[in-house]
Amino acid sequence: MLNSIGIPGLIIILVLILIIFGPTKLPKLGRSIGESMKNFKESTKGVLDDDDVKKEEKL
């Protein structure tokens, strides 16, 4: 899907994001997205670790 967008399309999307959110809100937006991804990774790691523990208990 992203292969069909190409470099010019990505540049247009980035310019639109800059226009919509403005240069002052972009760092806050990036930080919040990064924190969300970090929290998601931590929560899924806990789920995966729980599965490994359950498998070891069965053995």
Protein backbone atom coordinates (compact mmCIF):
# COMPACT_ATOMS: atom_id res chain seq x y z
CA MET A 1 0.00 0.00 0.00
CA LEU A 2 2.75 2.46 0.89
CA ASN A 3 4.69 1.53 -2.24
CA SER A 4 1.99 3.05 -4.43
CA ILE A 5 2.15 6.43 -2.64
CA GLY A 6 5.73 7.25 -3.56
CA ILE A 7 8.00 10.06 -2.43
CA PRO A 8 5.97 12.96 -3.88
CA GLY A 9 2.83 11.66 -2.19
CA LEU A 10 4.61 11.40 1.16
CA ILE A 11 5.91 14.95 0.82
CA ILE A 12 2.39 16.22 0.12
CA ILE A 13 1.05 14.33 3.16
CA LEU A 14 3.78 15.76 5.39
CA VAL A 15 3.10 19.30 4.16
CA LEU A 16 -0.62 18.87 4.83
CA ILE A 17 0.11 17.60 8.34
CA LEU A 18 2.35 20.60 8.94
CA ILE A 19 -0.36 22.98 7.74
CA ILE A 20 -3.10 21.31 9.80
CA PHE A 21 -1.25 20.94 13.09
CA GLY A 22 1.28 23.75 12.82
CA PRO A 23 4.96 23.66 13.74
CA THR A 24 4.36 24.15 17.46
CA LYS A 25 2.08 21.13 17.91
CA LEU A 26 4.08 18.66 15.83
CA PRO A 27 6.61 17.82 18.59
CA LYS A 28 3.76 17.22 21.04
CA LEU A 29 1.98 15.04 18.49
CA GLY A 30 5.14 13.03 17.81
CA ARG A 31 5.82 12.59 21.53
CA SER A 32 2.29 11.37 22.20
CA ILE A 33 2.45 8.90 19.32
CA GLY A 34 5.81 7.62 20.59
CA GLU A 35 4.48 7.19 24.13
CA SER A 36 1.42 5.37 22.80
CA MET A 37 3.60 2.97 20.82
CA LYS A 38 5.82 2.38 23.86
CA ASN A 39 2.81 1.61 26.06
CA PHE A 40 1.38 -0.72 23.41
CA LYS A 41 4.68 -2.61 23.13
CA GLU A 42 4.93 -2.96 26.90
CA SER A 43 1.37 -4.27 27.18
CA THR A 44 1.77 -6.77 24.35
CA LYS A 45 5.09 -7.94 25.79
CA GLY A 46 3.29 -8.74 29.03
CA VAL A 47 0.69 -10.76 27.12
CA LEU A 48 3.35 -12.69 25.24
CA ASP A 49 5.31 -13.35 28.44
CA ASP A 50 2.15 -14.66 30.11
CA ASP A 51 1.69 -17.14 27.27
CA ASP A 52 5.29 -18.38 27.64
CA VAL A 53 4.80 -18.89 31.38
CA LYS A 54 1.60 -20.85 30.82
CA LYS A 55 3.34 -23.11 28.30
CA GLU A 56 6.19 -23.80 30.74
CA GLU A 57 3.73 -24.61 33.52
CA LYS A 58 2.05 -27.24 31.34
CA LEU A 59 5.35 -29.00 30.72
